[in-house]
């Protein structure tokens, strides 16, 4: 992995990670010496000594009650770095009607599409039509990390010519992020009573070994789309 190219990519990922985060304590602290911090991070990546730091775990109540793991600001930079390296490859493989966390997609676009489908199925509201609403129980907490990692490597191997980064490097850093267990050395924010009533299949603290991704990471959103594709 070319160190100079990696450093340029880290700076780009850094600027993306700090968007809408510049008033947070972790971002401000990192920004005070961001150049030296990024150079040191680059060295750890090149030397293969990088390891994720502690996450902050809390319960979010809006729009639904869920457990969130907020990665350290430096780890968020790594998440953006991975996303920048591989997202374009997987975007070309996803079906059109996959809306979560994708550019020019999202909830509003999905609403427009389903309205189109309803009109088509009901022949412009002149006939009965039916909608089947389904959900995958505890989806993020039930993702098998080994299956996910093999899926990613299989696709990257197939489209390796589109990669703008060394294959061994991206395979290594993705493995680090996927198999990292954020429940170890975690910082709990809020009251423990906030977890009361949260089903076990919606908490990483009850997930099986090598299973589950933390809600709150950019990579988890991308990996969730890949796993279900």
C-alpha atoms as a PDB file:
ATOM      1  CA  UNK A   1       0.000   0.000   0.000  1.00  0.00           C
ATOM      2  CA  UNK A   2       1.491   3.339  -1.106  1.00  0.00           C
ATOM      3  CA  UNK A   3       1.800   5.477   2.028  1.00  0.00           C
ATOM      4  CA  UNK A   4       1.476   8.836   0.250  1.00  0.00           C
ATOM      5  CA  UNK A   5      -1.700   7.780  -1.560  1.00  0.00           C
ATOM      6  CA  UNK A   6      -3.143   6.366   1.642  1.00  0.00           C
ATOM      7  CA  UNK A   7      -2.479   9.623   3.471  1.00  0.00           C
ATOM      8  CA  UNK A   8      -4.332  11.596   0.782  1.00  0.00           C
ATOM      9  CA  UNK A   9      -7.259   9.178   1.080  1.00  0.00           C
ATOM     10  CA  UNK A  10      -7.226   9.550   4.874  1.00  0.00           C
ATOM     11  CA  UNK A  11      -7.442  13.324   4.617  1.00  0.00           C
ATOM     12  CA  UNK A  12     -10.467  12.974   2.325  1.00  0.00           C
ATOM     13  CA  UNK A  13     -12.091  10.533   4.742  1.00  0.00           C
ATOM     14  CA  UNK A  14     -11.317  12.887   7.628  1.00  0.00           C
ATOM     15  CA  UNK A  15     -13.088  15.825   5.981  1.00  0.00           C
ATOM     16  CA  UNK A  16     -16.113  13.609   5.348  1.00  0.00           C
ATOM     17  CA  UNK A  17     -16.155  12.264   8.898  1.00  0.00           C
ATOM     18  CA  UNK A  18     -16.143  15.721  10.461  1.00  0.00           C
ATOM     19  CA  UNK A  19     -19.198  16.959   8.530  1.00  0.00           C
ATOM     20  CA  UNK A  20     -21.926  17.805  11.048  1.00  0.00           C
ATOM     21  CA  UNK A  21     -19.569  16.675  13.823  1.00  0.00           C
ATOM     22  CA  UNK A  22     -17.363  19.743  14.254  1.00  0.00           C
ATOM     23  CA  UNK A  23     -19.075  20.790  17.480  1.00  0.00           C
ATOM     24  CA  UNK A  24     -18.573  17.416  19.156  1.00  0.00           C
ATOM     25  CA  UNK A  25     -15.882  17.043  21.797  1.00  0.00           C
ATOM     26  CA  UNK A  26     -14.166  14.115  20.048  1.00  0.00           C
ATOM     27  CA  UNK A  27     -13.980  15.932  16.721  1.00  0.00           C
ATOM     28  CA  UNK A  28     -12.687  19.161  18.269  1.00  0.00           C
ATOM     29  CA  UNK A  29     -10.037  17.239  20.194  1.00  0.00           C
ATOM     30  CA  UNK A  30      -8.904  15.395  17.064  1.00  0.00           C
ATOM     31  CA  UNK A  31      -8.965  18.543  14.922  1.00  0.00           C
ATOM     32  CA  UNK A  32      -6.551  20.392  17.200  1.00  0.00           C
ATOM     33  CA  UNK A  33      -3.707  18.238  15.803  1.00  0.00           C
ATOM     34  CA  UNK A  34      -5.439  16.565  12.896  1.00  0.00           C
ATOM     35  CA  UNK A  35      -2.431  16.548  10.551  1.00  0.00           C
ATOM     36  CA  UNK A  36      -0.134  14.762  13.001  1.00  0.00           C
ATOM     37  CA  UNK A  37      -3.032  12.506  14.067  1.00  0.00           C
ATOM     38  CA  UNK A  38      -3.699  11.453  10.464  1.00  0.00           C
ATOM     39  CA  UNK A  39      -0.013  10.833   9.796  1.00  0.00           C
ATOM     40  CA  UNK A  40       0.191   8.645  12.909  1.00  0.00           C
ATOM     41  CA  UNK A  41      -2.968   6.809  11.817  1.00  0.00           C
ATOM     42  CA  UNK A  42      -1.484   6.279   8.378  1.00  0.00           C
ATOM     43  CA  UNK A  43       1.620   4.754   9.944  1.00  0.00           C
ATOM     44  CA  UNK A  44      -0.481   2.315  11.994  1.00  0.00           C
ATOM     45  CA  UNK A  45      -2.389   1.288   8.863  1.00  0.00           C
ATOM     46  CA  UNK A  46       0.757   0.749   6.825  1.00  0.00           C
ATOM     47  CA  UNK A  47       2.361  -1.206   9.678  1.00  0.00           C
ATOM     48  CA  UNK A  48      -0.877  -3.187  10.201  1.00  0.00           C
ATOM     49  CA  UNK A  49      -1.018  -2.193  13.880  1.00  0.00           C
ATOM     50  CA  UNK A  50      -4.314  -0.277  13.751  1.00  0.00           C
ATOM     51  CA  UNK A  51      -7.020  -1.383  16.177  1.00  0.00           C
ATOM     52  CA  UNK A  52     -10.405   0.292  16.841  1.00  0.00           C
ATOM     53  CA  UNK A  53     -10.774   2.322  20.016  1.00  0.00           C
ATOM     54  CA  UNK A  54     -13.569   2.174  22.592  1.00  0.00           C
ATOM     55  CA  UNK A  55     -17.118   2.928  21.479  1.00  0.00           C
ATOM     56  CA  UNK A  56     -19.789   4.838  23.385  1.00  0.00           C
ATOM     57  CA  UNK A  57     -23.015   2.852  23.770  1.00  0.00           C
ATOM     58  CA  UNK A  58     -26.388   4.433  24.503  1.00  0.00           C
ATOM     59  CA  UNK A  59     -30.095   3.958  23.883  1.00  0.00           C
ATOM     60  CA  UNK A  60     -31.760   6.134  21.259  1.00  0.00           C
ATOM     61  CA  UNK A  61     -35.504   6.605  21.647  1.00  0.00           C
ATOM     62  CA  UNK A  62     -36.269   8.297  18.314  1.00  0.00           C
ATOM     63  CA  UNK A  63     -37.781   7.266  15.957  1.00  0.00           C
ATOM     64  CA  UNK A  64     -37.795   3.876  17.730  1.00  0.00           C
ATOM     65  CA  UNK A  65     -35.981   2.533  20.758  1.00  0.00           C
ATOM     66  CA  UNK A  66     -32.652   1.052  19.714  1.00  0.00           C
ATOM     67  CA  UNK A  67     -29.133   0.422  20.934  1.00  0.00           C
ATOM     68  CA  UNK A  68     -26.459   2.581  19.311  1.00  0.00           C
ATOM     69  CA  UNK A  69     -22.679   2.224  19.367  1.00  0.00           C
ATOM     70  CA  UNK A  70     -20.896   5.476  18.538  1.00  0.00           C
ATOM     71  CA  UNK A  71     -17.365   4.751  17.338  1.00  0.00           C
ATOM     72  CA  UNK A  72     -14.469   7.039  18.216  1.00  0.00           C
ATOM     73  CA  UNK A  73     -13.888   9.881  15.778  1.00  0.00           C
ATOM     74  CA  UNK A  74     -10.711   8.277  14.435  1.00  0.00           C
ATOM     75  CA  UNK A  75     -12.547   5.021  13.772  1.00  0.00           C
ATOM     76  CA  UNK A  76     -15.215   7.002  11.905  1.00  0.00           C
ATOM     77  CA  UNK A  77     -12.436   8.162   9.590  1.00  0.00           C
ATOM     78  CA  UNK A  78     -11.581   4.517   8.906  1.00  0.00           C
ATOM     79  CA  UNK A  79     -15.250   3.774   8.188  1.00  0.00           C
ATOM     80  CA  UNK A  80     -15.351   6.544   5.592  1.00  0.00           C
ATOM     81  CA  UNK A  81     -12.061   5.307   4.140  1.00  0.00           C
ATOM     82  CA  UNK A  82     -13.498   1.808   3.621  1.00  0.00           C
ATOM     83  CA  UNK A  83     -16.737   3.226   2.230  1.00  0.00           C
ATOM     84  CA  UNK A  84     -14.842   5.360  -0.297  1.00  0.00           C
ATOM     85  CA  UNK A  85     -12.792   2.373  -1.435  1.00  0.00           C
ATOM     86  CA  UNK A  86     -15.577  -0.169  -1.991  1.00  0.00           C
ATOM     87  CA  UNK A  87     -19.022   1.457  -2.100  1.00  0.00           C
ATOM     88  CA  UNK A  88     -18.943   2.169  -5.855  1.00  0.00           C
ATOM     89  CA  UNK A  89     -18.312  -1.518  -6.550  1.00  0.00           C
ATOM     90  CA  UNK A  90     -21.308  -2.711  -4.550  1.00  0.00           C
ATOM     91  CA  UNK A  91     -23.561   0.085  -5.804  1.00  0.00           C
ATOM     92  CA  UNK A  92     -23.280  -1.477  -9.256  1.00  0.00           C
ATOM     93  CA  UNK A  93     -24.484  -4.831  -7.884  1.00  0.00           C
ATOM     94  CA  UNK A  94     -27.483  -3.722  -5.768  1.00  0.00           C
ATOM     95  CA  UNK A  95     -31.025  -3.962  -7.085  1.00  0.00           C
ATOM     96  CA  UNK A  96     -32.703  -0.662  -7.906  1.00  0.00           C
ATOM     97  CA  UNK A  97     -35.287  -0.994  -5.144  1.00  0.00           C
ATOM     98  CA  UNK A  98     -32.878  -0.987  -2.234  1.00  0.00           C
ATOM     99  CA  UNK A  99     -33.154   2.395  -0.523  1.00  0.00           C
ATOM    100  CA  UNK A 100     -31.399   2.414   2.833  1.00  0.00           C
ATOM    101  CA  UNK A 101     -28.319   4.628   3.145  1.00  0.00           C
ATOM    102  CA  UNK A 102     -27.761   5.012  -0.589  1.00  0.00           C
ATOM    103  CA  UNK A 103     -27.083   8.198  -2.512  1.00  0.00           C
ATOM    104  CA  UNK A 104     -30.188   9.587  -4.267  1.00  0.00           C
ATOM    105  CA  UNK A 105     -32.328   6.960  -2.507  1.00  0.00           C
ATOM    106  CA  UNK A 106     -33.695   6.959   1.029  1.00  0.00           C
ATOM    107  CA  UNK A 107     -37.206   7.137   2.521  1.00  0.00           C
ATOM    108  CA  UNK A 108     -38.650   9.860   0.262  1.00  0.00           C
ATOM    109  CA  UNK A 109     -37.555   8.068  -2.893  1.00  0.00           C
ATOM    110  CA  UNK A 110     -38.950   4.798  -1.555  1.00  0.00           C
ATOM    111  CA  UNK A 111     -42.327   6.435  -0.896  1.00  0.00           C
ATOM    112  CA  UNK A 112     -42.478   7.674  -4.492  1.00  0.00           C
ATOM    113  CA  UNK A 113     -41.631   4.210  -5.807  1.00  0.00           C
ATOM    114  CA  UNK A 114     -44.202   2.402  -3.686  1.00  0.00           C
ATOM    115  CA  UNK A 115     -46.848   4.933  -4.750  1.00  0.00           C
ATOM    116  CA  UNK A 116     -46.010   4.068  -8.357  1.00  0.00           C
ATOM    117  CA  UNK A 117     -46.305   0.346  -7.611  1.00  0.00           C
ATOM    118  CA  UNK A 118     -49.636   0.817  -5.800  1.00  0.00           C
ATOM    119  CA  UNK A 119     -51.064   2.745  -8.731  1.00  0.00           C
ATOM    120  CA  UNK A 120     -49.883   0.045 -11.116  1.00  0.00           C
ATOM    121  CA  UNK A 121     -51.170  -2.887  -9.057  1.00  0.00           C
ATOM    122  CA  UNK A 122     -54.542  -1.231  -8.408  1.00  0.00           C
ATOM    123  CA  UNK A 123     -54.824   0.091 -11.968  1.00  0.00           C
ATOM    124  CA  UNK A 124     -54.886   3.645 -10.648  1.00  0.00           C
ATOM    125  CA  UNK A 125     -56.968   2.801  -7.574  1.00  0.00           C
ATOM    126  CA  UNK A 126     -59.770   1.069  -9.490  1.00  0.00           C
ATOM    127  CA  UNK A 127     -59.041  -2.428  -8.148  1.00  0.00           C
ATOM    128  CA  UNK A 128     -58.075  -3.901  -4.796  1.00  0.00           C
ATOM    129  CA  UNK A 129     -54.367  -4.329  -4.197  1.00  0.00           C
ATOM    130  CA  UNK A 130     -52.416  -5.801  -1.297  1.00  0.00           C
ATOM    131  CA  UNK A 131     -49.165  -4.877   0.390  1.00  0.00           C
ATOM    132  CA  UNK A 132     -47.109  -7.378   2.384  1.00  0.00           C
ATOM    133  CA  UNK A 133     -45.060  -5.617   5.052  1.00  0.00           C
ATOM    134  CA  UNK A 134     -42.209  -7.674   6.487  1.00  0.00           C
ATOM    135  CA  UNK A 135     -39.307  -7.116   8.837  1.00  0.00           C
ATOM    136  CA  UNK A 136     -36.271  -9.248   9.628  1.00  0.00           C
ATOM    137  CA  UNK A 137     -36.202  -9.832  13.364  1.00  0.00           C
ATOM    138  CA  UNK A 138     -33.062  -8.420  14.978  1.00  0.00           C
ATOM    139  CA  UNK A 139     -31.423  -8.045  11.572  1.00  0.00           C
ATOM    140  CA  UNK A 140     -28.194  -6.256  12.461  1.00  0.00           C
ATOM    141  CA  UNK A 141     -27.713  -8.359  15.591  1.00  0.00           C
ATOM    142  CA  UNK A 142     -28.091 -11.630  13.638  1.00  0.00           C
ATOM    143  CA  UNK A 143     -25.600 -10.938  10.816  1.00  0.00           C
ATOM    144  CA  UNK A 144     -23.014 -13.710  10.634  1.00  0.00           C
ATOM    145  CA  UNK A 145     -19.624 -12.021  10.367  1.00  0.00           C
ATOM    146  CA  UNK A 146     -17.935 -14.913   8.563  1.00  0.00           C
ATOM    147  CA  UNK A 147     -20.634 -15.051   5.871  1.00  0.00           C
ATOM    148  CA  UNK A 148     -20.530 -11.267   5.487  1.00  0.00           C
ATOM    149  CA  UNK A 149     -16.735 -11.134   5.178  1.00  0.00           C
ATOM    150  CA  UNK A 150     -16.695 -13.932   2.588  1.00  0.00           C
ATOM    151  CA  UNK A 151     -19.448 -12.171   0.623  1.00  0.00           C
ATOM    152  CA  UNK A 152     -17.421  -8.975   0.515  1.00  0.00           C
ATOM    153  CA  UNK A 153     -14.185 -10.709  -0.517  1.00  0.00           C
ATOM    154  CA  UNK A 154     -15.989 -12.676  -3.212  1.00  0.00           C
ATOM    155  CA  UNK A 155     -17.396  -9.513  -4.817  1.00  0.00           C
ATOM    156  CA  UNK A 156     -14.155  -7.550  -4.471  1.00  0.00           C
ATOM    157  CA  UNK A 157     -12.236 -10.447  -6.029  1.00  0.00           C
ATOM    158  CA  UNK A 158     -14.658 -10.495  -8.939  1.00  0.00           C
ATOM    159  CA  UNK A 159     -14.393  -6.759  -9.571  1.00  0.00           C
ATOM    160  CA  UNK A 160     -10.828  -6.224  -8.334  1.00  0.00           C
ATOM    161  CA  UNK A 161      -9.984  -4.166 -11.427  1.00  0.00           C
ATOM    162  CA  UNK A 162     -12.311  -1.440 -10.106  1.00  0.00           C
ATOM    163  CA  UNK A 163     -10.438  -1.241  -6.811  1.00  0.00           C
ATOM    164  CA  UNK A 164      -8.284   1.837  -6.331  1.00  0.00           C
ATOM    165  CA  UNK A 165      -6.490   0.292  -3.377  1.00  0.00           C
ATOM    166  CA  UNK A 166      -4.329  -2.750  -2.689  1.00  0.00           C
ATOM    167  CA  UNK A 167      -6.577  -5.820  -2.331  1.00  0.00           C
ATOM    168  CA  UNK A 168      -4.703  -7.313   0.634  1.00  0.00           C
ATOM    169  CA  UNK A 169      -4.882  -4.003   2.483  1.00  0.00           C
ATOM    170  CA  UNK A 170      -8.621  -3.464   2.021  1.00  0.00           C
ATOM    171  CA  UNK A 171      -9.310  -7.116   2.917  1.00  0.00           C
ATOM    172  CA  UNK A 172      -7.292  -6.675   6.125  1.00  0.00           C
ATOM    173  CA  UNK A 173      -8.914  -3.421   7.279  1.00  0.00           C
ATOM    174  CA  UNK A 174     -12.437  -4.673   6.481  1.00  0.00           C
ATOM    175  CA  UNK A 175     -11.751  -7.808   8.541  1.00  0.00           C
ATOM    176  CA  UNK A 176     -10.575  -5.648  11.447  1.00  0.00           C
ATOM    177  CA  UNK A 177     -13.810  -3.626  11.410  1.00  0.00           C
ATOM    178  CA  UNK A 178     -16.179  -6.571  10.901  1.00  0.00           C
ATOM    179  CA  UNK A 179     -14.715  -8.792  13.622  1.00  0.00           C
ATOM    180  CA  UNK A 180     -14.164  -6.006  16.146  1.00  0.00           C
ATOM    181  CA  UNK A 181     -16.402  -6.525  19.179  1.00  0.00           C
ATOM    182  CA  UNK A 182     -17.502  -3.072  20.393  1.00  0.00           C
ATOM    183  CA  UNK A 183     -19.072  -4.521  23.558  1.00  0.00           C
ATOM    184  CA  UNK A 184     -15.556  -5.042  24.924  1.00  0.00           C
ATOM    185  CA  UNK A 185     -14.074  -2.020  26.693  1.00  0.00           C
ATOM    186  CA  UNK A 186     -17.260  -0.063  25.932  1.00  0.00           C
ATOM    187  CA  UNK A 187     -18.265   3.246  27.519  1.00  0.00           C
ATOM    188  CA  UNK A 188     -21.922   3.234  28.608  1.00  0.00           C
ATOM    189  CA  UNK A 189     -23.727   6.561  28.308  1.00  0.00           C
ATOM    190  CA  UNK A 190     -27.019   7.082  30.114  1.00  0.00           C
ATOM    191  CA  UNK A 191     -28.849   4.995  32.683  1.00  0.00           C
ATOM    192  CA  UNK A 192     -28.797   1.208  32.624  1.00  0.00           C
ATOM    193  CA  UNK A 193     -32.566   1.361  33.043  1.00  0.00           C
ATOM    194  CA  UNK A 194     -32.724   2.713  29.483  1.00  0.00           C
ATOM    195  CA  UNK A 195     -32.152  -0.868  28.315  1.00  0.00           C
ATOM    196  CA  UNK A 196     -35.224  -2.130  30.164  1.00  0.00           C
ATOM    197  CA  UNK A 197     -37.775  -3.360  27.635  1.00  0.00           C
ATOM    198  CA  UNK A 198     -35.283  -3.616  24.769  1.00  0.00           C
ATOM    199  CA  UNK A 199     -35.560  -7.145  23.283  1.00  0.00           C
ATOM    200  CA  UNK A 200     -32.383  -9.225  23.499  1.00  0.00           C
ATOM    201  CA  UNK A 201     -32.359  -9.676  19.720  1.00  0.00           C
ATOM    202  CA  UNK A 202     -31.879  -5.915  19.426  1.00  0.00           C
ATOM    203  CA  UNK A 203     -28.781  -5.740  21.611  1.00  0.00           C
ATOM    204  CA  UNK A 204     -25.195  -6.652  20.751  1.00  0.00           C
ATOM    205  CA  UNK A 205     -24.621  -7.578  24.388  1.00  0.00           C
ATOM    206  CA  UNK A 206     -26.696 -10.716  23.791  1.00  0.00           C
ATOM    207  CA  UNK A 207     -25.462 -11.537  20.287  1.00  0.00           C
ATOM    208  CA  UNK A 208     -23.808 -14.874  19.585  1.00  0.00           C
ATOM    209  CA  UNK A 209     -20.049 -15.091  18.996  1.00  0.00           C
ATOM    210  CA  UNK A 210     -18.957 -13.551  15.649  1.00  0.00           C
ATOM    211  CA  UNK A 211     -22.488 -12.317  15.076  1.00  0.00           C
ATOM    212  CA  UNK A 212     -23.967  -8.827  14.884  1.00  0.00           C
ATOM    213  CA  UNK A 213     -22.950  -5.375  13.687  1.00  0.00           C
ATOM    214  CA  UNK A 214     -23.194  -2.160  15.718  1.00  0.00           C
ATOM    215  CA  UNK A 215     -25.955   0.244  14.726  1.00  0.00           C
ATOM    216  CA  UNK A 216     -24.425   3.672  14.272  1.00  0.00           C
ATOM    217  CA  UNK A 217     -21.435   2.909  12.022  1.00  0.00           C
ATOM    218  CA  UNK A 218     -21.291   3.925   8.361  1.00  0.00           C
ATOM    219  CA  UNK A 219     -19.743   0.557   7.537  1.00  0.00           C
ATOM    220  CA  UNK A 220     -22.602  -1.280   9.278  1.00  0.00           C
ATOM    221  CA  UNK A 221     -25.088   0.440   6.978  1.00  0.00           C
ATOM    222  CA  UNK A 222     -23.134  -0.579   3.881  1.00  0.00           C
ATOM    223  CA  UNK A 223     -22.440  -4.096   5.161  1.00  0.00           C
ATOM    224  CA  UNK A 224     -26.135  -4.509   6.028  1.00  0.00           C
ATOM    225  CA  UNK A 225     -27.064  -3.789   2.411  1.00  0.00           C
ATOM    226  CA  UNK A 226     -24.400  -6.179   1.139  1.00  0.00           C
ATOM    227  CA  UNK A 227     -25.470  -9.010   3.455  1.00  0.00           C
ATOM    228  CA  UNK A 228     -29.124  -8.845   2.377  1.00  0.00           C
ATOM    229  CA  UNK A 229     -28.456  -8.252  -1.337  1.00  0.00           C
END
